[in-house]
Amino acid sequence: MVEILKNLAPEQVTAVLIALGIVREARLLIKSILDYKLELRKLAPQEVKDEAI
């Protein structure tokens, strides 16, 4: 991947880095949402089962 980035123009490298940053942030957001839902299930398993998550 490093060699691919070295062959790109600076504008293209910037676009790739921005896209990678957005993907990383999205993954962290999804992880925090899933962790929150898991914590809810641990705290109140019956109430959460009744809801559609």
N, C-alpha and C. Protein backbone atom coordinates (compact mmCIF):
# COMPACT_ATOMS: atom_id res chain seq x y z
N MET A 1 0.83 -1.19 0.00
CA MET A 1 0.00 0.00 0.00
C MET A 1 0.87 1.25 0.00
N VAL A 2 2.01 1.19 0.66
CA VAL A 2 2.90 2.34 0.71
C VAL A 2 3.39 2.69 -0.69
N GLU A 3 3.72 1.69 -1.48
CA GLU A 3 4.19 1.95 -2.84
C GLU A 3 3.10 2.56 -3.71
N ILE A 4 1.86 2.15 -3.49
CA ILE A 4 0.74 2.73 -4.24
C ILE A 4 0.62 4.20 -3.89
N LEU A 5 0.72 4.53 -2.60
CA LEU A 5 0.61 5.93 -2.17
C LEU A 5 1.76 6.78 -2.71
N LYS A 6 2.95 6.18 -2.80
CA LYS A 6 4.09 6.93 -3.32
C LYS A 6 3.90 7.30 -4.78
N ASN A 7 3.17 6.49 -5.52
CA ASN A 7 2.98 6.74 -6.95
C ASN A 7 1.82 7.69 -7.25
N LEU A 8 1.07 8.08 -6.24
CA LEU A 8 -0.07 8.99 -6.45
C LEU A 8 0.39 10.44 -6.41
N ALA A 9 -0.40 11.28 -7.07
CA ALA A 9 -0.16 12.73 -7.01
C ALA A 9 -0.57 13.22 -5.61
N PRO A 10 -0.01 14.35 -5.18
CA PRO A 10 -0.34 14.86 -3.83
C PRO A 10 -1.85 15.04 -3.59
N GLU A 11 -2.58 15.48 -4.62
CA GLU A 11 -4.02 15.66 -4.46
C GLU A 11 -4.72 14.32 -4.22
N GLN A 12 -4.23 13.30 -4.91
CA GLN A 12 -4.82 11.97 -4.76
C GLN A 12 -4.50 11.39 -3.39
N VAL A 13 -3.29 11.64 -2.92
CA VAL A 13 -2.91 11.15 -1.59
C VAL A 13 -3.79 11.81 -0.54
N THR A 14 -4.04 13.08 -0.70
CA THR A 14 -4.90 13.80 0.24
C THR A 14 -6.29 13.19 0.26
N ALA A 15 -6.84 12.90 -0.90
CA ALA A 15 -8.17 12.30 -0.97
C ALA A 15 -8.20 10.92 -0.31
N VAL A 16 -7.17 10.14 -0.53
CA VAL A 16 -7.09 8.80 0.07
C VAL A 16 -7.01 8.91 1.59
N LEU A 17 -6.19 9.81 2.09
CA LEU A 17 -6.06 9.96 3.54
C LEU A 17 -7.34 10.45 4.19
N ILE A 18 -8.04 11.36 3.52
CA ILE A 18 -9.33 11.82 4.04
C ILE A 18 -10.32 10.68 4.08
N ALA A 19 -10.37 9.88 3.01
CA ALA A 19 -11.30 8.75 2.96
C ALA A 19 -10.97 7.74 4.06
N LEU A 20 -9.69 7.46 4.26
CA LEU A 20 -9.30 6.52 5.32
C LEU A 20 -9.68 7.05 6.70
N GLY A 21 -9.54 8.34 6.90
CA GLY A 21 -9.92 8.95 8.17
C GLY A 21 -11.42 8.85 8.41
N ILE A 22 -12.21 9.07 7.38
CA ILE A 22 -13.66 8.97 7.51
C ILE A 22 -14.08 7.54 7.82
N VAL A 23 -13.46 6.58 7.14
CA VAL A 23 -13.77 5.18 7.40
C VAL A 23 -13.41 4.81 8.84
N ARG A 24 -12.27 5.28 9.29
CA ARG A 24 -11.85 4.98 10.67
C ARG A 24 -12.84 5.57 11.68
N GLU A 25 -13.25 6.79 11.47
CA GLU A 25 -14.20 7.42 12.38
C GLU A 25 -15.54 6.68 12.37
N ALA A 26 -15.97 6.25 11.20
CA ALA A 26 -17.23 5.50 11.11
C ALA A 26 -17.13 4.19 11.88
N ARG A 27 -16.00 3.51 11.77
CA ARG A 27 -15.82 2.25 12.49
C ARG A 27 -15.84 2.49 14.00
N LEU A 28 -15.21 3.57 14.46
CA LEU A 28 -15.21 3.88 15.89
C LEU A 28 -16.62 4.22 16.38
N LEU A 29 -17.38 4.93 15.56
CA LEU A 29 -18.75 5.28 15.93
C LEU A 29 -19.61 4.03 16.03
N ILE A 30 -19.50 3.15 15.05
CA ILE A 30 -20.26 1.91 15.07
C ILE A 30 -19.88 1.06 16.28
N LYS A 31 -18.58 1.01 16.58
CA LYS A 31 -18.12 0.24 17.74
C LYS A 31 -18.71 0.80 19.03
N SER A 32 -18.74 2.12 19.16
CA SER A 32 -19.28 2.71 20.38
C SER A 32 -20.78 2.46 20.49
N ILE A 33 -21.50 2.47 19.38
CA ILE A 33 -22.93 2.19 19.40
C ILE A 33 -23.16 0.74 19.82
N LEU A 34 -22.39 -0.18 19.24
CA LEU A 34 -22.55 -1.60 19.60
C LEU A 34 -22.18 -1.85 21.06
N ASP A 35 -21.15 -1.18 21.55
CA ASP A 35 -20.78 -1.31 22.96
C ASP A 35 -21.90 -0.80 23.87
N TYR A 36 -22.53 0.30 23.48
CA TYR A 36 -23.64 0.87 24.24
C TYR A 36 -24.81 -0.11 24.29
N LYS A 37 -25.15 -0.69 23.14
CA LYS A 37 -26.25 -1.65 23.10
C LYS A 37 -25.93 -2.90 23.92
N LEU A 38 -24.70 -3.34 23.89
CA LEU A 38 -24.30 -4.49 24.69
C LEU A 38 -24.42 -4.17 26.18
N GLU A 39 -24.02 -2.98 26.56
CA GLU A 39 -24.12 -2.56 27.96
C GLU A 39 -25.59 -2.50 28.39
N LEU A 40 -26.46 -2.01 27.51
CA LEU A 40 -27.89 -1.98 27.83
C LEU A 40 -28.43 -3.39 28.07
N ARG A 41 -28.00 -4.33 27.25
CA ARG A 41 -28.46 -5.72 27.41
C ARG A 41 -27.97 -6.30 28.74
N LYS A 42 -26.79 -5.94 29.16
CA LYS A 42 -26.27 -6.45 30.43
C LYS A 42 -27.03 -5.86 31.61
N LEU A 43 -27.40 -4.57 31.51
CA LEU A 43 -28.06 -3.90 32.62
C LEU A 43 -29.52 -4.28 32.75
N ALA A 44 -30.22 -4.39 31.64
CA ALA A 44 -31.65 -4.68 31.67
C ALA A 44 -32.01 -5.66 30.56
N PRO A 45 -31.68 -6.92 30.71
CA PRO A 45 -31.88 -7.87 29.62
C PRO A 45 -33.34 -8.03 29.21
N GLN A 46 -34.28 -8.02 30.15
CA GLN A 46 -35.68 -8.22 29.80
C GLN A 46 -36.25 -7.03 29.04
N GLU A 47 -35.94 -5.82 29.48
CA GLU A 47 -36.48 -4.63 28.83
C GLU A 47 -35.96 -4.49 27.41
N VAL A 48 -34.71 -4.79 27.20
CA VAL A 48 -34.11 -4.64 25.88
C VAL A 48 -34.66 -5.69 24.91
N LYS A 49 -34.95 -6.90 25.41
CA LYS A 49 -35.49 -7.94 24.56
C LYS A 49 -36.86 -7.54 24.02
N ASP A 50 -37.61 -6.78 24.80
CA ASP A 50 -38.93 -6.35 24.36
C ASP A 50 -38.86 -5.31 23.26
N GLU A 51 -37.78 -4.52 23.22
CA GLU A 51 -37.60 -3.50 22.20
C GLU A 51 -36.99 -4.10 20.95
N ALA A 52 -37.23 -3.42 19.84
CA ALA A 52 -36.53 -3.81 18.60
C ALA A 52 -35.29 -2.96 18.48
N ILE A 53 -34.13 -3.59 18.58
CA ILE A 53 -32.87 -2.85 18.47
C ILE A 53 -32.32 -3.03 17.09
